[in-house]
Amino acid sequence: MDVELTPLPGIGTRRMFTTAAGVRVGVVTHHAGGRRELVHSDGEDPDATRSITLERDEAVVLAGLLGLLDALDVTGPGVPATTTPAVGG
């Protein structure tokens, strides 16, 4: 899978990849403060990208939902030592 790195002058960098369904998904990392945004578009119009800004603890919960917490140590300020996202019901 190819990950495209695009410099965004005055903003930061964007890293994107295209899923098998044709959806473009990525992360924009801002120069100022290192803020990160989850971005996606349907691939038909790359300028019609939508974004969600996540706080660090929210990103950790998302990582857990994606099954990544088993391989990472994500403890730190504002993140409980045992983060177990509620999944399903």
Foldseek 3Di string as FASTA:
>chain_A
DDWDWDADPPFGIWTWDADPQGKIWTWGFGPPPRWIWTWIDNNPDPVPIDIDTDDLQRVVLVCVVVVNPVPDQSDDPPHDRDDHHDDDD
